[in-house]
Amino acid sequence: MLYPELSKLILDSAFAVHRSLGPGLLELPYHNALYYELAGNNLQVGYNAPFNVYYRGYTVGEYFADLLVNGTVILEVKAVSALGTEPSAQLLNYLHISGCRLGFLLNFAPQRLEFKRLVL
């Protein structure tokens, strides 16, 4: 599946979750609902997908991306009043570590779903 088609499915799924659950919940219900929404759209979804961090051939850490769609797109789910620079930096690090080129930062807390598309 091409990135434009996959991006549309991801955003449509996120909007569906936001419409259904509304704002004001903690992060976990959105994370779980988005997982089921994406899987229901016949996408392969990794939940808390692990990625190793390497330094000079040694594994020095491990990060967990909230959702990994079709092995190529990382989704970071947030439920905060406003997105600052830290979540974007976090997602960029995940993209770099994973080798994925596309990621979405999704904030479900505001009245309207807030999202950022990041490309490495």
N, C-alpha and C. Protein backbone atom coordinates (compact mmCIF):
# COMPACT_ATOMS: atom_id res chain seq x y z
N MET A 1 0.85 -1.18 0.00
CA MET A 1 0.00 0.00 0.00
C MET A 1 0.90 1.24 0.00
N LEU A 2 0.56 2.20 -0.82
CA LEU A 2 1.33 3.43 -0.93
C LEU A 2 1.08 4.34 0.27
N TYR A 3 2.07 5.19 0.56
CA TYR A 3 1.97 6.08 1.72
C TYR A 3 0.72 6.98 1.71
N PRO A 4 0.34 7.58 0.56
CA PRO A 4 -0.87 8.43 0.59
C PRO A 4 -2.12 7.65 1.00
N GLU A 5 -2.28 6.44 0.47
CA GLU A 5 -3.45 5.62 0.83
C GLU A 5 -3.40 5.20 2.29
N LEU A 6 -2.23 4.79 2.74
CA LEU A 6 -2.06 4.37 4.12
C LEU A 6 -2.27 5.54 5.08
N SER A 7 -1.74 6.70 4.72
CA SER A 7 -1.92 7.90 5.55
C SER A 7 -3.39 8.25 5.70
N LYS A 8 -4.14 8.15 4.61
CA LYS A 8 -5.57 8.45 4.66
C LYS A 8 -6.30 7.47 5.57
N LEU A 9 -6.00 6.18 5.46
CA LEU A 9 -6.62 5.18 6.33
C LEU A 9 -6.29 5.43 7.80
N ILE A 10 -5.05 5.80 8.07
CA ILE A 10 -4.63 6.08 9.45
C ILE A 10 -5.39 7.27 10.00
N LEU A 11 -5.42 8.36 9.25
CA LEU A 11 -6.11 9.56 9.73
C LEU A 11 -7.62 9.34 9.83
N ASP A 12 -8.21 8.65 8.88
CA ASP A 12 -9.64 8.34 8.96
C ASP A 12 -9.93 7.53 10.22
N SER A 13 -9.05 6.59 10.54
CA SER A 13 -9.22 5.77 11.74
C SER A 13 -9.10 6.61 13.00
N ALA A 14 -8.13 7.51 13.03
CA ALA A 14 -7.94 8.37 14.20
C ALA A 14 -9.15 9.29 14.39
N PHE A 15 -9.67 9.84 13.31
CA PHE A 15 -10.86 10.70 13.41
C PHE A 15 -12.07 9.90 13.90
N ALA A 16 -12.20 8.66 13.43
CA ALA A 16 -13.32 7.81 13.87
C ALA A 16 -13.24 7.55 15.37
N VAL A 17 -12.04 7.27 15.87
CA VAL A 17 -11.86 7.04 17.31
C VAL A 17 -12.19 8.31 18.08
N HIS A 18 -11.71 9.44 17.61
CA HIS A 18 -11.98 10.71 18.31
C HIS A 18 -13.46 11.04 18.32
N ARG A 19 -14.13 10.83 17.19
CA ARG A 19 -15.57 11.08 17.13
C ARG A 19 -16.33 10.19 18.12
N SER A 20 -15.91 8.95 18.21
CA SER A 20 -16.61 7.99 19.05
C SER A 20 -16.34 8.22 20.55
N LEU A 21 -15.08 8.39 20.92
CA LEU A 21 -14.73 8.51 22.33
C LEU A 21 -14.78 9.95 22.85
N GLY A 22 -14.57 10.91 21.94
CA GLY A 22 -14.55 12.31 22.35
C GLY A 22 -13.26 12.64 23.09
N PRO A 23 -13.08 13.92 23.44
CA PRO A 23 -11.88 14.34 24.16
C PRO A 23 -12.01 14.03 25.66
N GLY A 24 -10.90 14.13 26.37
CA GLY A 24 -10.94 14.11 27.83
C GLY A 24 -10.55 12.81 28.51
N LEU A 25 -10.28 11.75 27.74
CA LEU A 25 -9.84 10.50 28.36
C LEU A 25 -8.32 10.49 28.48
N LEU A 26 -7.82 9.51 29.21
CA LEU A 26 -6.38 9.30 29.26
C LEU A 26 -5.93 8.66 27.95
N GLU A 27 -4.63 8.54 27.78
CA GLU A 27 -4.06 8.05 26.52
C GLU A 27 -4.44 6.61 26.18
N LEU A 28 -4.48 5.74 27.16
CA LEU A 28 -4.65 4.31 26.90
C LEU A 28 -5.93 3.94 26.14
N PRO A 29 -7.09 4.48 26.49
CA PRO A 29 -8.29 4.12 25.71
C PRO A 29 -8.17 4.50 24.23
N TYR A 30 -7.57 5.64 23.94
CA TYR A 30 -7.37 6.05 22.54
C TYR A 30 -6.41 5.10 21.84
N HIS A 31 -5.33 4.76 22.52
CA HIS A 31 -4.32 3.84 21.99
C HIS A 31 -4.99 2.51 21.63
N ASN A 32 -5.74 1.96 22.56
CA ASN A 32 -6.40 0.67 22.33
C ASN A 32 -7.46 0.76 21.24
N ALA A 33 -8.28 1.81 21.27
CA ALA A 33 -9.34 1.96 20.27
C ALA A 33 -8.74 2.12 18.88
N LEU A 34 -7.66 2.89 18.78
CA LEU A 34 -7.02 3.08 17.47
C LEU A 34 -6.44 1.77 16.96
N TYR A 35 -5.87 0.98 17.84
CA TYR A 35 -5.38 -0.34 17.45
C TYR A 35 -6.50 -1.15 16.80
N TYR A 36 -7.64 -1.23 17.48
CA TYR A 36 -8.76 -2.03 16.95
C TYR A 36 -9.34 -1.44 15.67
N GLU A 37 -9.39 -0.13 15.58
CA GLU A 37 -9.91 0.53 14.38
C GLU A 37 -9.01 0.23 13.18
N LEU A 38 -7.70 0.34 13.37
CA LEU A 38 -6.76 0.07 12.28
C LEU A 38 -6.79 -1.41 11.88
N ALA A 39 -6.78 -2.29 12.87
CA ALA A 39 -6.84 -3.73 12.58
C ALA A 39 -8.14 -4.08 11.87
N GLY A 40 -9.23 -3.41 12.22
CA GLY A 40 -10.51 -3.63 11.56
C GLY A 40 -10.52 -3.17 10.11
N ASN A 41 -9.55 -2.33 9.75
CA ASN A 41 -9.40 -1.88 8.37
C ASN A 41 -8.37 -2.73 7.62
N ASN A 42 -8.14 -3.94 8.14
CA ASN A 42 -7.24 -4.92 7.52
C ASN A 42 -5.80 -4.43 7.41
N LEU A 43 -5.36 -3.64 8.39
CA LEU A 43 -3.97 -3.22 8.44
C LEU A 43 -3.24 -4.07 9.48
N GLN A 44 -1.96 -4.30 9.25
CA GLN A 44 -1.15 -4.99 10.24
C GLN A 44 -0.70 -3.96 11.27
N VAL A 45 -1.01 -4.22 12.53
CA VAL A 45 -0.72 -3.22 13.56
C VAL A 45 0.09 -3.85 14.68
N GLY A 46 1.26 -3.29 14.91
CA GLY A 46 2.08 -3.70 16.06
C GLY A 46 1.74 -2.81 17.24
N TYR A 47 1.51 -3.41 18.38
CA TYR A 47 1.12 -2.70 19.60
C TYR A 47 2.35 -2.58 20.49
N ASN A 48 2.72 -1.37 20.88
CA ASN A 48 3.95 -1.11 21.65
C ASN A 48 5.13 -1.82 20.98
N ALA A 49 5.32 -1.51 19.72
CA ALA A 49 6.35 -2.15 18.90
C ALA A 49 7.75 -1.82 19.40
N PRO A 50 8.55 -2.84 19.71
CA PRO A 50 9.89 -2.60 20.26
C PRO A 50 10.93 -2.33 19.18
N PHE A 51 11.84 -1.42 19.50
CA PHE A 51 12.98 -1.11 18.63
C PHE A 51 14.22 -1.00 19.50
N ASN A 52 15.27 -1.70 19.10
CA ASN A 52 16.54 -1.63 19.83
C ASN A 52 17.33 -0.40 19.43
N VAL A 53 18.09 0.13 20.37
CA VAL A 53 19.01 1.24 20.12
C VAL A 53 20.42 0.66 20.17
N TYR A 54 21.19 0.94 19.14
CA TYR A 54 22.53 0.38 19.04
C TYR A 54 23.59 1.47 19.14
N TYR A 55 24.69 1.11 19.75
CA TYR A 55 25.87 1.96 19.81
C TYR A 55 27.08 1.08 19.57
N ARG A 56 27.79 1.33 18.47
CA ARG A 56 28.98 0.58 18.10
C ARG A 56 28.77 -0.94 18.16
N GLY A 57 27.60 -1.34 17.67
CA GLY A 57 27.30 -2.76 17.60
C GLY A 57 26.70 -3.36 18.86
N TYR A 58 26.57 -2.55 19.90
CA TYR A 58 25.99 -3.01 21.16
C TYR A 58 24.56 -2.50 21.30
N THR A 59 23.71 -3.34 21.84
CA THR A 59 22.37 -2.89 22.17
C THR A 59 22.45 -2.13 23.48
N VAL A 60 22.06 -0.84 23.45
CA VAL A 60 22.20 0.00 24.64
C VAL A 60 20.84 0.47 25.17
N GLY A 61 19.79 0.08 24.52
CA GLY A 61 18.47 0.47 24.99
C GLY A 61 17.39 -0.07 24.08
N GLU A 62 16.16 0.17 24.51
CA GLU A 62 15.01 -0.28 23.74
C GLU A 62 13.90 0.75 23.89
N TYR A 63 13.26 1.06 22.79
CA TYR A 63 12.12 1.97 22.79
C TYR A 63 10.90 1.23 22.29
N PHE A 64 9.73 1.72 22.68
CA PHE A 64 8.47 1.11 22.26
C PHE A 64 7.59 2.16 21.60
N ALA A 65 7.37 2.00 20.31
CA ALA A 65 6.47 2.90 19.58
C ALA A 65 5.04 2.46 19.89
N ASP A 66 4.13 3.41 20.09
CA ASP A 66 2.75 3.06 20.45
C ASP A 66 2.15 2.08 19.46
N LEU A 67 2.16 2.45 18.18
CA LEU A 67 1.60 1.59 17.14
C LEU A 67 2.50 1.63 15.91
N LEU A 68 2.68 0.50 15.28
CA LEU A 68 3.44 0.40 14.04
C LEU A 68 2.50 -0.19 13.00
N VAL A 69 2.21 0.58 11.96
CA VAL A 69 1.23 0.18 10.95
C VAL A 69 1.95 -0.34 9.71
N ASN A 70 1.58 -1.56 9.34
CA ASN A 70 2.14 -2.23 8.16
C ASN A 70 3.67 -2.25 8.16
N GLY A 71 4.26 -2.18 9.33
CA GLY A 71 5.71 -2.23 9.45
C GLY A 71 6.44 -1.02 8.91
N THR A 72 5.68 0.04 8.54
CA THR A 72 6.33 1.19 7.90
C THR A 72 5.98 2.55 8.49
N VAL A 73 4.90 2.65 9.25
CA VAL A 73 4.45 3.95 9.78
C VAL A 73 4.29 3.86 11.29
N ILE A 74 4.94 4.76 12.00
CA ILE A 74 4.87 4.79 13.46
C ILE A 74 3.83 5.81 13.89
N LEU A 75 2.98 5.40 14.83
CA LEU A 75 1.98 6.31 15.41
C LEU A 75 2.28 6.50 16.88
N GLU A 76 2.34 7.74 17.31
CA GLU A 76 2.49 8.07 18.72
C GLU A 76 1.18 8.70 19.17
N VAL A 77 0.56 8.08 20.15
CA VAL A 77 -0.75 8.51 20.64
C VAL A 77 -0.54 9.34 21.90
N LYS A 78 -1.15 10.52 21.93
CA LYS A 78 -1.07 11.40 23.09
C LYS A 78 -2.47 11.85 23.48
N ALA A 79 -2.59 12.25 24.75
CA ALA A 79 -3.82 12.87 25.26
C ALA A 79 -3.38 13.97 26.21
N VAL A 80 -2.92 15.07 25.61
CA VAL A 80 -2.38 16.21 26.36
C VAL A 80 -3.06 17.48 25.88
N SER A 81 -2.99 18.53 26.71
CA SER A 81 -3.68 19.77 26.35
C SER A 81 -3.10 20.40 25.09
N ALA A 82 -1.79 20.29 24.91
CA ALA A 82 -1.16 20.85 23.70
C ALA A 82 0.13 20.08 23.42
N LEU A 83 0.43 19.91 22.15
CA LEU A 83 1.65 19.23 21.76
C LEU A 83 2.81 20.21 21.79
N GLY A 84 3.82 19.91 22.58
CA GLY A 84 5.02 20.72 22.60
C GLY A 84 6.05 20.13 21.66
N THR A 85 7.30 20.44 21.91
CA THR A 85 8.37 19.93 21.04
C THR A 85 8.82 18.52 21.42
N GLU A 86 8.61 18.12 22.68
CA GLU A 86 9.09 16.81 23.12
C GLU A 86 8.45 15.63 22.38
N PRO A 87 7.13 15.61 22.20
CA PRO A 87 6.55 14.47 21.46
C PRO A 87 7.05 14.39 20.01
N SER A 88 7.26 15.52 19.38
CA SER A 88 7.80 15.50 18.01
C SER A 88 9.22 14.95 18.00
N ALA A 89 10.04 15.37 18.96
CA ALA A 89 11.41 14.87 19.05
C ALA A 89 11.40 13.37 19.33
N GLN A 90 10.49 12.92 20.18
CA GLN A 90 10.36 11.50 20.49
C GLN A 90 10.05 10.71 19.22
N LEU A 91 9.07 11.18 18.45
CA LEU A 91 8.69 10.49 17.22
C LEU A 91 9.83 10.49 16.20
N LEU A 92 10.53 11.60 16.08
CA LEU A 92 11.67 11.65 15.15
C LEU A 92 12.75 10.64 15.56
N ASN A 93 12.98 10.51 16.86
CA ASN A 93 13.93 9.50 17.34
C ASN A 93 13.46 8.11 16.98
N TYR A 94 12.18 7.82 17.16
CA TYR A 94 11.63 6.51 16.81
C TYR A 94 11.80 6.23 15.32
N LEU A 95 11.57 7.23 14.50
CA LEU A 95 11.74 7.05 13.06
C LEU A 95 13.19 6.73 12.74
N HIS A 96 14.09 7.47 13.33
CA HIS A 96 15.52 7.25 13.09
C HIS A 96 15.94 5.85 13.54
N ILE A 97 15.54 5.46 14.74
CA ILE A 97 15.93 4.16 15.31
C ILE A 97 15.33 3.00 14.51
N SER A 98 14.08 3.15 14.09
CA SER A 98 13.36 2.06 13.43
C SER A 98 13.68 1.90 11.96
N GLY A 99 14.13 2.97 11.33
CA GLY A 99 14.33 2.95 9.88
C GLY A 99 13.07 3.29 9.12
N CYS A 100 11.97 3.54 9.83
CA CYS A 100 10.73 3.97 9.18
C CYS A 100 10.90 5.42 8.72
N ARG A 101 10.18 5.78 7.69
CA ARG A 101 10.31 7.14 7.15
C ARG A 101 9.15 8.05 7.50
N LEU A 102 8.01 7.47 7.92
CA LEU A 102 6.80 8.26 8.14
C LEU A 102 6.23 7.96 9.52
N GLY A 103 5.79 9.04 10.18
CA GLY A 103 5.15 8.88 11.48
C GLY A 103 4.08 9.92 11.69
N PHE A 104 3.13 9.60 12.55
CA PHE A 104 2.07 10.53 12.92
C PHE A 104 2.03 10.67 14.43
N LEU A 105 1.96 11.91 14.87
CA LEU A 105 1.74 12.24 16.26
C LEU A 105 0.27 12.62 16.37
N LEU A 106 -0.48 11.87 17.19
CA LEU A 106 -1.93 12.05 17.28
C LEU A 106 -2.31 12.45 18.70
N ASN A 107 -2.92 13.62 18.85
CA ASN A 107 -3.33 14.11 20.16
C ASN A 107 -4.85 14.11 20.25
N PHE A 108 -5.38 13.26 21.10
CA PHE A 108 -6.83 13.08 21.21
C PHE A 108 -7.48 13.97 22.27
N ALA A 109 -6.71 14.70 23.07
CA ALA A 109 -7.28 15.48 24.17
C ALA A 109 -8.08 16.71 23.73
N PRO A 110 -7.65 17.45 22.71
CA PRO A 110 -8.41 18.64 22.33
C PRO A 110 -9.79 18.31 21.76
N GLN A 111 -10.63 19.32 21.67
CA GLN A 111 -11.97 19.15 21.09
C GLN A 111 -11.90 18.62 19.66
N ARG A 112 -10.88 19.02 18.94
CA ARG A 112 -10.64 18.52 17.58
C ARG A 112 -9.32 17.76 17.59
N LEU A 113 -9.30 16.59 16.98
CA LEU A 113 -8.09 15.79 16.92
C LEU A 113 -6.95 16.63 16.36
N GLU A 114 -5.84 16.62 17.06
CA GLU A 114 -4.64 17.33 16.61
C GLU A 114 -3.65 16.29 16.10
N PHE A 115 -3.06 16.53 14.93
CA PHE A 115 -2.08 15.57 14.42
C PHE A 115 -0.96 16.29 13.70
N LYS A 116 0.21 15.64 13.73
CA LYS A 116 1.37 16.11 12.99
C LYS A 116 1.91 14.93 12.19
N ARG A 117 2.24 15.18 10.96
CA ARG A 117 2.83 14.17 10.09
C ARG A 117 4.32 14.49 10.01
N LEU A 118 5.14 13.52 10.38
CA LEU A 118 6.58 13.72 10.35
C LEU A 118 7.23 12.74 9.39
N VAL A 119 8.15 13.26 8.57
CA VAL A 119 8.84 12.44 7.58
C VAL A 119 10.33 12.55 7.87
N LEU A 120 11.00 11.40 7.86
CA LEU A 120 12.44 11.38 8.10
C LEU A 120 13.16 11.50 6.78
